[in-house]
Amino acid sequence: IHYTPGKRWDSLYTWDSGMIGLGMLEYSPERAEYIMDLYLSEEE
């Protein structure tokens, strides 16, 4: 489940998504955290 920069792009744009998360933070901190978590990698 992903928030794209616009309706027509399905790519995982890294820097666009960080900005989307910052905007989402004003409405849903939970979804903002989800957006952030999607781009991170576990140690293993």
All heavy atoms as atom14 arrays in JSON, in Angstrom:
{
  "sequence": "IHYTPGKRWDSLYTWDSGMIGLGMLEYSPERAEYIMDLYLSEEE",
  "atom14_mask": [
    [1, 1, 1, 1, 1, 1, 1, 1, 0, 0, 0, 0, 0, 0],
    [1, 1, 1, 1, 1, 1, 1, 1, 1, 1, 0, 0, 0, 0],
    [1, 1, 1, 1, 1, 1, 1, 1, 1, 1, 1, 1, 0, 0],
    [1, 1, 1, 1, 1, 1, 1, 0, 0, 0, 0, 0, 0, 0],
    [1, 1, 1, 1, 1, 1, 1, 0, 0, 0, 0, 0, 0, 0],
    [1, 1, 1, 1, 0, 0, 0, 0, 0, 0, 0, 0, 0, 0],
    [1, 1, 1, 1, 1, 1, 1, 1, 1, 0, 0, 0, 0, 0],
    [1, 1, 1, 1, 1, 1, 1, 1, 1, 1, 1, 0, 0, 0],
    [1, 1, 1, 1, 1, 1, 1, 1, 1, 1, 1, 1, 1, 1],
    [1, 1, 1, 1, 1, 1, 1, 1, 0, 0, 0, 0, 0, 0],
    [1, 1, 1, 1, 1, 1, 0, 0, 0, 0, 0, 0, 0, 0],
    [1, 1, 1, 1, 1, 1, 1, 1, 0, 0, 0, 0, 0, 0],
    [1, 1, 1, 1, 1, 1, 1, 1, 1, 1, 1, 1, 0, 0],
    [1, 1, 1, 1, 1, 1, 1, 0, 0, 0, 0, 0, 0, 0],
    [1, 1, 1, 1, 1, 1, 1, 1, 1, 1, 1, 1, 1, 1],
    [1, 1, 1, 1, 1, 1, 1, 1, 0, 0, 0, 0, 0, 0],
    [1, 1, 1, 1, 1, 1, 0, 0, 0, 0, 0, 0, 0, 0],
    [1, 1, 1, 1, 0, 0, 0, 0, 0, 0, 0, 0, 0, 0],
    [1, 1, 1, 1, 1, 1, 1, 1, 0, 0, 0, 0, 0, 0],
    [1, 1, 1, 1, 1, 1, 1, 1, 0, 0, 0, 0, 0, 0],
    [1, 1, 1, 1, 0, 0, 0, 0, 0, 0, 0, 0, 0, 0],
    [1, 1, 1, 1, 1, 1, 1, 1, 0, 0, 0, 0, 0, 0],
    [1, 1, 1, 1, 0, 0, 0, 0, 0, 0, 0, 0, 0, 0],
    [1, 1, 1, 1, 1, 1, 1, 1, 0, 0, 0, 0, 0, 0],
    [1, 1, 1, 1, 1, 1, 1, 1, 0, 0, 0, 0, 0, 0],
    [1, 1, 1, 1, 1, 1, 1, 1, 1, 0, 0, 0, 0, 0],
    [1, 1, 1, 1, 1, 1, 1, 1, 1, 1, 1, 1, 0, 0],
    [1, 1, 1, 1, 1, 1, 0, 0, 0, 0, 0, 0, 0, 0],
    [1, 1, 1, 1, 1, 1, 1, 0, 0, 0, 0, 0, 0, 0],
    [1, 1, 1, 1, 1, 1, 1, 1, 1, 0, 0, 0, 0, 0],
    [1, 1, 1, 1, 1, 1, 1, 1, 1, 1, 1, 0, 0, 0],
    [1, 1, 1, 1, 1, 0, 0, 0, 0, 0, 0, 0, 0, 0],
    [1, 1, 1, 1, 1, 1, 1, 1, 1, 0, 0, 0, 0, 0],
    [1, 1, 1, 1, 1, 1, 1, 1, 1, 1, 1, 1, 0, 0],
    [1, 1, 1, 1, 1, 1, 1, 1, 0, 0, 0, 0, 0, 0],
    [1, 1, 1, 1, 1, 1, 1, 1, 0, 0, 0, 0, 0, 0],
    [1, 1, 1, 1, 1, 1, 1, 1, 0, 0, 0, 0, 0, 0],
    [1, 1, 1, 1, 1, 1, 1, 1, 0, 0, 0, 0, 0, 0],
    [1, 1, 1, 1, 1, 1, 1, 1, 1, 1, 1, 1, 0, 0],
    [1, 1, 1, 1, 1, 1, 1, 1, 0, 0, 0, 0, 0, 0],
    [1, 1, 1, 1, 1, 1, 0, 0, 0, 0, 0, 0, 0, 0],
    [1, 1, 1, 1, 1, 1, 1, 1, 1, 0, 0, 0, 0, 0],
    [1, 1, 1, 1, 1, 1, 1, 1, 1, 0, 0, 0, 0, 0],
    [1, 1, 1, 1, 1, 1, 1, 1, 1, 0, 0, 0, 0, 0]
  ],
  "atom14_positions": [
    [[0.88, -1.17, 0.0], [0.0, 0.0, 0.0], [0.91, 1.22, 0.0], [1.82, 1.32, 0.82], [-0.9, 0.01, 1.24], [-1.78, -1.25, 1.26], [-1.75, 1.27, 1.29], [-2.53, -1.45, 2.56], [0.0, 0.0, 0.0], [0.0, 0.0, 0.0], [0.0, 0.0, 0.0], [0.0, 0.0, 0.0], [0.0, 0.0, 0.0], [0.0, 0.0, 0.0]],
    [[0.69, 2.12, -0.93], [1.69, 3.16, -1.13], [1.03, 4.47, -1.55], [0.01, 4.47, -2.23], [2.67, 2.7, -2.22], [3.81, 3.62, -2.47], [4.56, 4.16, -1.45], [4.34, 4.1, -3.62], [5.5, 4.92, -1.96], [5.39, 4.91, -3.28], [0.0, 0.0, 0.0], [0.0, 0.0, 0.0], [0.0, 0.0, 0.0], [0.0, 0.0, 0.0]],
    [[1.63, 5.57, -1.12], [1.2, 6.9, -1.55], [2.15, 7.39, -2.63], [3.34, 7.61, -2.36], [1.2, 7.87, -0.36], [0.24, 7.5, 0.73], [0.59, 6.6, 1.73], [-1.06, 8.01, 0.75], [-0.3, 6.24, 2.73], [-1.96, 7.66, 1.74], [-1.58, 6.77, 2.72], [-2.47, 6.42, 3.7], [0.0, 0.0, 0.0], [0.0, 0.0, 0.0]],
    [[1.66, 7.52, -3.84], [2.52, 7.94, -4.95], [2.56, 9.46, -5.04], [1.68, 10.15, -4.52], [1.99, 7.37, -6.28], [0.7, 7.93, -6.54], [1.88, 5.87, -6.21], [0.0, 0.0, 0.0], [0.0, 0.0, 0.0], [0.0, 0.0, 0.0], [0.0, 0.0, 0.0], [0.0, 0.0, 0.0], [0.0, 0.0, 0.0], [0.0, 0.0, 0.0]],
    [[3.58, 10.02, -5.71], [3.66, 11.48, -5.85], [2.42, 12.09, -6.52], [1.98, 13.17, -6.17], [4.91, 11.69, -6.7], [5.73, 10.46, -6.47], [4.74, 9.35, -6.3], [0.0, 0.0, 0.0], [0.0, 0.0, 0.0], [0.0, 0.0, 0.0], [0.0, 0.0, 0.0], [0.0, 0.0, 0.0], [0.0, 0.0, 0.0], [0.0, 0.0, 0.0]],
    [[1.89, 11.37, -7.53], [0.67, 11.79, -8.22], [-0.13, 10.54, -8.53], [0.3, 9.42, -8.26], [0.0, 0.0, 0.0], [0.0, 0.0, 0.0], [0.0, 0.0, 0.0], [0.0, 0.0, 0.0], [0.0, 0.0, 0.0], [0.0, 0.0, 0.0], [0.0, 0.0, 0.0], [0.0, 0.0, 0.0], [0.0, 0.0, 0.0], [0.0, 0.0, 0.0]],
    [[-1.28, 10.7, -9.11], [-2.16, 9.54, -9.32], [-1.64, 8.57, -10.36], [-2.03, 7.41, -10.37], [-3.55, 10.03, -9.74], [-4.32, 10.73, -8.62], [-5.73, 11.07, -9.07], [-6.55, 11.67, -7.94], [-7.92, 11.97, -8.36], [0.0, 0.0, 0.0], [0.0, 0.0, 0.0], [0.0, 0.0, 0.0], [0.0, 0.0, 0.0], [0.0, 0.0, 0.0]],
    [[-0.75, 9.01, -11.24], [-0.4, 8.18, -12.4], [0.93, 7.45, -12.27], [1.28, 6.67, -13.13], [-0.39, 9.05, -13.65], [0.65, 10.15, -13.62], [0.48, 11.13, -14.76], [0.79, 10.53, -16.05], [0.74, 11.18, -17.2], [0.36, 12.45, -17.21], [1.05, 10.6, -18.33], [0.0, 0.0, 0.0], [0.0, 0.0, 0.0], [0.0, 0.0, 0.0]],
    [[1.69, 7.69, -11.19], [3.0, 7.05, -11.05], [2.95, 6.0, -9.94], [2.58, 6.29, -8.81], [4.07, 8.1, -10.72], [4.31, 9.04, -11.85], [5.03, 8.8, -12.99], [3.81, 10.38, -11.97], [5.02, 9.9, -13.8], [4.29, 10.89, -13.2], [3.04, 11.2, -11.16], [4.0, 12.17, -13.63], [2.74, 12.48, -11.59], [3.22, 12.95, -12.82]],
    [[3.39, 4.79, -10.25], [3.39, 3.74, -9.24], [4.79, 3.47, -8.69], [5.01, 2.51, -7.98], [2.8, 2.45, -9.81], [3.59, 1.94, -11.0], [4.52, 2.62, -11.44], [3.26, 0.84, -11.5], [0.0, 0.0, 0.0], [0.0, 0.0, 0.0], [0.0, 0.0, 0.0], [0.0, 0.0, 0.0], [0.0, 0.0, 0.0], [0.0, 0.0, 0.0]],
    [[5.74, 4.31, -9.02], [7.11, 4.1, -8.57], [7.3, 4.56, -7.12], [6.57, 5.41, -6.63], [8.09, 4.86, -9.47], [8.03, 4.38, -10.79], [0.0, 0.0, 0.0], [0.0, 0.0, 0.0], [0.0, 0.0, 0.0], [0.0, 0.0, 0.0], [0.0, 0.0, 0.0], [0.0, 0.0, 0.0], [0.0, 0.0, 0.0], [0.0, 0.0, 0.0]],
    [[8.32, 3.97, -6.47], [8.62, 4.27, -5.08], [9.61, 5.43, -5.02], [10.79, 5.26, -4.71], [9.16, 3.03, -4.38], [8.13, 1.9, -4.22], [8.82, 0.57, -4.06], [7.21, 2.18, -3.05], [0.0, 0.0, 0.0], [0.0, 0.0, 0.0], [0.0, 0.0, 0.0], [0.0, 0.0, 0.0], [0.0, 0.0, 0.0], [0.0, 0.0, 0.0]],
    [[9.16, 6.63, -5.33], [10.03, 7.8, -5.31], [10.42, 8.13, -3.87], [9.59, 8.5, -3.06], [9.32, 8.99, -5.94], [9.25, 8.94, -7.44], [8.16, 8.39, -8.09], [10.29, 9.45, -8.22], [8.09, 8.34, -9.49], [10.24, 9.41, -9.6], [9.14, 8.85, -10.22], [9.09, 8.81, -11.59], [0.0, 0.0, 0.0], [0.0, 0.0, 0.0]],
    [[11.71, 8.02, -3.58], [12.17, 8.14, -2.19], [11.99, 9.54, -1.64], [11.42, 9.73, -0.57], [13.65, 7.71, -2.09], [13.79, 6.4, -2.65], [14.12, 7.7, -0.65], [0.0, 0.0, 0.0], [0.0, 0.0, 0.0], [0.0, 0.0, 0.0], [0.0, 0.0, 0.0], [0.0, 0.0, 0.0], [0.0, 0.0, 0.0], [0.0, 0.0, 0.0]],
    [[12.47, 10.54, -2.35], [12.45, 11.88, -1.76], [11.04, 12.47, -1.8], [10.63, 13.14, -0.85], [13.5, 12.77, -2.42], [13.12, 13.72, -3.52], [12.95, 13.43, -4.83], [12.96, 15.14, -3.39], [12.68, 14.57, -5.54], [12.68, 15.64, -4.67], [13.02, 16.03, -2.32], [12.46, 16.99, -4.92], [12.8, 17.38, -2.57], [12.52, 17.85, -3.86]],
    [[10.27, 12.18, -2.83], [8.88, 12.63, -2.88], [8.11, 12.05, -1.68], [7.29, 12.74, -1.06], [8.21, 12.17, -4.16], [8.85, 12.74, -5.4], [10.01, 12.4, -5.68], [8.19, 13.51, -6.11], [0.0, 0.0, 0.0], [0.0, 0.0, 0.0], [0.0, 0.0, 0.0], [0.0, 0.0, 0.0], [0.0, 0.0, 0.0], [0.0, 0.0, 0.0]],
    [[8.36, 10.79, -1.37], [7.6, 10.12, -0.33], [7.89, 10.69, 1.05], [7.0, 10.74, 1.91], [7.87, 8.62, -0.35], [7.34, 8.06, -1.53], [0.0, 0.0, 0.0], [0.0, 0.0, 0.0], [0.0, 0.0, 0.0], [0.0, 0.0, 0.0], [0.0, 0.0, 0.0], [0.0, 0.0, 0.0], [0.0, 0.0, 0.0], [0.0, 0.0, 0.0]],
    [[9.13, 11.11, 1.28], [9.42, 11.77, 2.55], [8.63, 13.05, 2.71], [8.13, 13.37, 3.81], [0.0, 0.0, 0.0], [0.0, 0.0, 0.0], [0.0, 0.0, 0.0], [0.0, 0.0, 0.0], [0.0, 0.0, 0.0], [0.0, 0.0, 0.0], [0.0, 0.0, 0.0], [0.0, 0.0, 0.0], [0.0, 0.0, 0.0], [0.0, 0.0, 0.0]],
    [[8.48, 13.8, 1.61], [7.69, 15.03, 1.67], [6.21, 14.73, 1.86], [5.51, 15.43, 2.59], [7.89, 15.86, 0.39], [9.32, 16.28, 0.1], [10.22, 17.04, 1.49], [9.21, 18.48, 1.83], [0.0, 0.0, 0.0], [0.0, 0.0, 0.0], [0.0, 0.0, 0.0], [0.0, 0.0, 0.0], [0.0, 0.0, 0.0], [0.0, 0.0, 0.0]],
    [[5.72, 13.66, 1.21], [4.33, 13.24, 1.41], [4.1, 12.92, 2.89], [3.08, 13.29, 3.47], [3.99, 12.03, 0.53], [3.97, 12.43, -0.95], [2.64, 11.43, 0.92], [3.82, 11.26, -1.89], [0.0, 0.0, 0.0], [0.0, 0.0, 0.0], [0.0, 0.0, 0.0], [0.0, 0.0, 0.0], [0.0, 0.0, 0.0], [0.0, 0.0, 0.0]],
    [[5.06, 12.22, 3.5], [4.95, 11.88, 4.91], [4.89, 13.1, 5.81], [4.12, 13.14, 6.78], [0.0, 0.0, 0.0], [0.0, 0.0, 0.0], [0.0, 0.0, 0.0], [0.0, 0.0, 0.0], [0.0, 0.0, 0.0], [0.0, 0.0, 0.0], [0.0, 0.0, 0.0], [0.0, 0.0, 0.0], [0.0, 0.0, 0.0], [0.0, 0.0, 0.0]],
    [[5.68, 14.12, 5.48], [5.65, 15.36, 6.27], [4.29, 16.04, 6.17], [3.78, 16.58, 7.15], [6.75, 16.3, 5.8], [8.16, 15.94, 6.26], [9.21, 16.67, 5.43], [8.33, 16.28, 7.74], [0.0, 0.0, 0.0], [0.0, 0.0, 0.0], [0.0, 0.0, 0.0], [0.0, 0.0, 0.0], [0.0, 0.0, 0.0], [0.0, 0.0, 0.0]],
    [[3.69, 16.0, 4.98], [2.35, 16.57, 4.84], [1.32, 15.73, 5.57], [0.43, 16.26, 6.26], [0.0, 0.0, 0.0], [0.0, 0.0, 0.0], [0.0, 0.0, 0.0], [0.0, 0.0, 0.0], [0.0, 0.0, 0.0], [0.0, 0.0, 0.0], [0.0, 0.0, 0.0], [0.0, 0.0, 0.0], [0.0, 0.0, 0.0], [0.0, 0.0, 0.0]],
    [[1.42, 14.4, 5.44], [0.49, 13.49, 6.11], [0.56, 13.62, 7.62], [-0.43, 13.38, 8.33], [0.8, 12.06, 5.69], [-0.2, 11.03, 6.19], [-1.83, 11.22, 5.45], [-1.52, 10.5, 3.83], [0.0, 0.0, 0.0], [0.0, 0.0, 0.0], [0.0, 0.0, 0.0], [0.0, 0.0, 0.0], [0.0, 0.0, 0.0], [0.0, 0.0, 0.0]],
    [[1.7, 14.01, 8.14], [1.89, 14.15, 9.58], [0.88, 15.12, 10.2], [0.51, 14.98, 11.37], [3.33, 14.63, 9.85], [3.76, 14.83, 11.3], [3.58, 13.55, 12.1], [5.21, 15.28, 11.35], [0.0, 0.0, 0.0], [0.0, 0.0, 0.0], [0.0, 0.0, 0.0], [0.0, 0.0, 0.0], [0.0, 0.0, 0.0], [0.0, 0.0, 0.0]],
    [[0.43, 16.1, 9.41], [-0.54, 17.07, 9.94], [-1.94, 16.49, 10.08], [-2.82, 17.1, 10.68], [-0.58, 18.31, 9.05], [0.77, 18.98, 8.84], [1.45, 19.37, 10.14], [0.74, 19.52, 11.16], [2.69, 19.5, 10.15], [0.0, 0.0, 0.0], [0.0, 0.0, 0.0], [0.0, 0.0, 0.0], [0.0, 0.0, 0.0], [0.0, 0.0, 0.0]],
    [[-2.16, 15.3, 9.51], [-3.5, 14.7, 9.53], [-3.51, 13.34, 10.22], [-4.47, 13.0, 10.91], [-4.03, 14.55, 8.1], [-3.99, 15.86, 7.35], [-2.95, 16.16, 6.48], [-4.98, 16.81, 7.55], [-2.89, 17.37, 5.82], [-4.94, 18.03, 6.89], [-3.89, 18.3, 6.03], [-3.84, 19.51, 5.39], [0.0, 0.0, 0.0], [0.0, 0.0, 0.0]],
    [[-2.44, 12.56, 10.03], [-2.4, 11.22, 10.6], [-0.95, 10.82, 10.88], [-0.26, 10.35, 9.97], [-3.04, 10.2, 9.65], [-2.84, 8.88, 10.14], [0.0, 0.0, 0.0], [0.0, 0.0, 0.0], [0.0, 0.0, 0.0], [0.0, 0.0, 0.0], [0.0, 0.0, 0.0], [0.0, 0.0, 0.0], [0.0, 0.0, 0.0], [0.0, 0.0, 0.0]],
    [[-0.46, 11.01, 12.09], [0.9, 10.59, 12.43], [1.13, 9.11, 12.16], [2.25, 8.71, 11.8], [1.01, 10.92, 13.92], [0.03, 12.02, 14.14], [-1.12, 11.71, 13.22], [0.0, 0.0, 0.0], [0.0, 0.0, 0.0], [0.0, 0.0, 0.0], [0.0, 0.0, 0.0], [0.0, 0.0, 0.0], [0.0, 0.0, 0.0], [0.0, 0.0, 0.0]],
    [[0.08, 8.3, 12.31], [0.22, 6.86, 12.08], [0.55, 6.58, 10.61], [1.42, 5.75, 10.3], [-1.05, 6.13, 12.48], [-1.37, 6.18, 13.98], [-1.95, 7.51, 14.41], [-2.43, 8.28, 13.53], [-1.94, 7.8, 15.63], [0.0, 0.0, 0.0], [0.0, 0.0, 0.0], [0.0, 0.0, 0.0], [0.0, 0.0, 0.0], [0.0, 0.0, 0.0]],
    [[-0.14, 7.24, 9.72], [0.14, 7.03, 8.29], [1.48, 7.64, 7.89], [2.17, 7.12, 7.02], [-0.99, 7.61, 7.44], [-2.3, 6.85, 7.62], [-3.35, 7.26, 6.62], [-4.6, 6.56, 6.84], [-5.61, 6.55, 5.99], [-5.51, 7.21, 4.84], [-6.71, 5.88, 6.26], [0.0, 0.0, 0.0], [0.0, 0.0, 0.0], [0.0, 0.0, 0.0]],
    [[1.82, 8.74, 8.51], [3.13, 9.34, 8.25], [4.24, 8.37, 8.64], [5.24, 8.2, 7.92], [3.28, 10.66, 9.01], [0.0, 0.0, 0.0], [0.0, 0.0, 0.0], [0.0, 0.0, 0.0], [0.0, 0.0, 0.0], [0.0, 0.0, 0.0], [0.0, 0.0, 0.0], [0.0, 0.0, 0.0], [0.0, 0.0, 0.0], [0.0, 0.0, 0.0]],
    [[4.08, 7.72, 9.78], [5.07, 6.74, 10.22], [5.11, 5.55, 9.27], [6.18, 5.03, 8.95], [4.74, 6.26, 11.64], [5.76, 5.28, 12.19], [5.4, 4.77, 13.58], [4.5, 5.35, 14.22], [6.03, 3.79, 14.03], [0.0, 0.0, 0.0], [0.0, 0.0, 0.0], [0.0, 0.0, 0.0], [0.0, 0.0, 0.0], [0.0, 0.0, 0.0]],
    [[3.96, 5.12, 8.79], [3.91, 4.01, 7.83], [4.69, 4.35, 6.56], [5.46, 3.53, 6.03], [2.46, 3.68, 7.48], [2.34, 2.74, 6.3], [2.48, 1.37, 6.46], [2.13, 3.24, 5.01], [2.4, 0.51, 5.36], [2.05, 2.39, 3.92], [2.18, 1.03, 4.1], [2.11, 0.2, 3.02], [0.0, 0.0, 0.0], [0.0, 0.0, 0.0]],
    [[4.49, 5.57, 6.06], [5.19, 6.01, 4.85], [6.69, 5.96, 5.08], [7.46, 5.52, 4.21], [4.73, 7.43, 4.45], [3.26, 7.41, 4.01], [5.62, 8.01, 3.36], [2.64, 8.78, 3.84], [0.0, 0.0, 0.0], [0.0, 0.0, 0.0], [0.0, 0.0, 0.0], [0.0, 0.0, 0.0], [0.0, 0.0, 0.0], [0.0, 0.0, 0.0]],
    [[7.13, 6.43, 6.24], [8.56, 6.41, 6.58], [9.09, 4.98, 6.68], [10.12, 4.64, 6.1], [8.78, 7.14, 7.9], [10.2, 7.13, 8.4], [10.32, 7.77, 10.09], [9.69, 6.35, 11.03], [0.0, 0.0, 0.0], [0.0, 0.0, 0.0], [0.0, 0.0, 0.0], [0.0, 0.0, 0.0], [0.0, 0.0, 0.0], [0.0, 0.0, 0.0]],
    [[8.35, 4.14, 7.41], [8.78, 2.76, 7.67], [8.97, 1.97, 6.37], [9.88, 1.13, 6.27], [7.75, 2.08, 8.56], [8.12, 0.64, 8.88], [8.9, 0.43, 9.82], [7.64, -0.27, 8.18], [0.0, 0.0, 0.0], [0.0, 0.0, 0.0], [0.0, 0.0, 0.0], [0.0, 0.0, 0.0], [0.0, 0.0, 0.0], [0.0, 0.0, 0.0]],
    [[8.14, 2.26, 5.37], [8.2, 1.53, 4.11], [9.57, 1.64, 3.45], [10.0, 0.74, 2.72], [7.11, 2.06, 3.17], [6.99, 1.39, 1.8], [6.64, -0.08, 1.94], [5.91, 2.1, 0.97], [0.0, 0.0, 0.0], [0.0, 0.0, 0.0], [0.0, 0.0, 0.0], [0.0, 0.0, 0.0], [0.0, 0.0, 0.0], [0.0, 0.0, 0.0]],
    [[10.29, 2.74, 3.68], [11.55, 3.0, 2.99], [12.78, 2.55, 3.78], [13.91, 2.72, 3.32], [11.65, 4.49, 2.65], [10.77, 4.82, 1.48], [9.4, 5.01, 1.65], [11.28, 4.88, 0.19], [8.57, 5.26, 0.57], [10.46, 5.13, -0.9], [9.1, 5.31, -0.7], [8.29, 5.55, -1.77], [0.0, 0.0, 0.0], [0.0, 0.0, 0.0]],
    [[12.57, 1.95, 4.96], [13.68, 1.55, 5.8], [13.95, 0.05, 5.68], [13.08, -0.71, 5.25], [13.39, 1.92, 7.25], [13.11, 3.41, 7.5], [12.75, 3.64, 8.95], [14.29, 4.27, 7.09], [0.0, 0.0, 0.0], [0.0, 0.0, 0.0], [0.0, 0.0, 0.0], [0.0, 0.0, 0.0], [0.0, 0.0, 0.0], [0.0, 0.0, 0.0]],
    [[15.14, -0.35, 6.09], [15.55, -1.75, 5.99], [16.02, -2.25, 7.35], [16.81, -1.59, 8.02], [16.69, -1.89, 4.97], [17.15, -3.22, 4.89], [0.0, 0.0, 0.0], [0.0, 0.0, 0.0], [0.0, 0.0, 0.0], [0.0, 0.0, 0.0], [0.0, 0.0, 0.0], [0.0, 0.0, 0.0], [0.0, 0.0, 0.0], [0.0, 0.0, 0.0]],
    [[15.54, -3.43, 7.74], [15.96, -4.02, 9.0], [17.43, -4.45, 8.92], [17.97, -4.7, 7.84], [15.08, -5.23, 9.33], [13.62, -4.9, 9.58], [12.82, -4.74, 8.3], [13.41, -4.9, 7.2], [11.62, -4.43, 8.38], [0.0, 0.0, 0.0], [0.0, 0.0, 0.0], [0.0, 0.0, 0.0], [0.0, 0.0, 0.0], [0.0, 0.0, 0.0]],
    [[18.06, -4.56, 10.08], [19.48, -4.91, 10.13], [19.77, -6.26, 9.47], [20.81, -6.44, 8.85], [19.95, -4.93, 11.58], [20.03, -3.55, 12.23], [20.52, -3.62, 13.65], [19.74, -4.03, 14.54], [21.7, -3.27, 13.88], [0.0, 0.0, 0.0], [0.0, 0.0, 0.0], [0.0, 0.0, 0.0], [0.0, 0.0, 0.0], [0.0, 0.0, 0.0]],
    [[18.83, -7.21, 9.6], [19.07, -8.54, 9.05], [18.82, -8.62, 7.55], [19.14, -9.62, 6.91], [18.2, -9.57, 9.78], [16.7, -9.39, 9.59], [16.07, -8.46, 10.61], [16.82, -7.74, 11.3], [14.83, -8.46, 10.71], [0.0, 0.0, 0.0], [0.0, 0.0, 0.0], [0.0, 0.0, 0.0], [0.0, 0.0, 0.0], [0.0, 0.0, 0.0]]
  ]
}
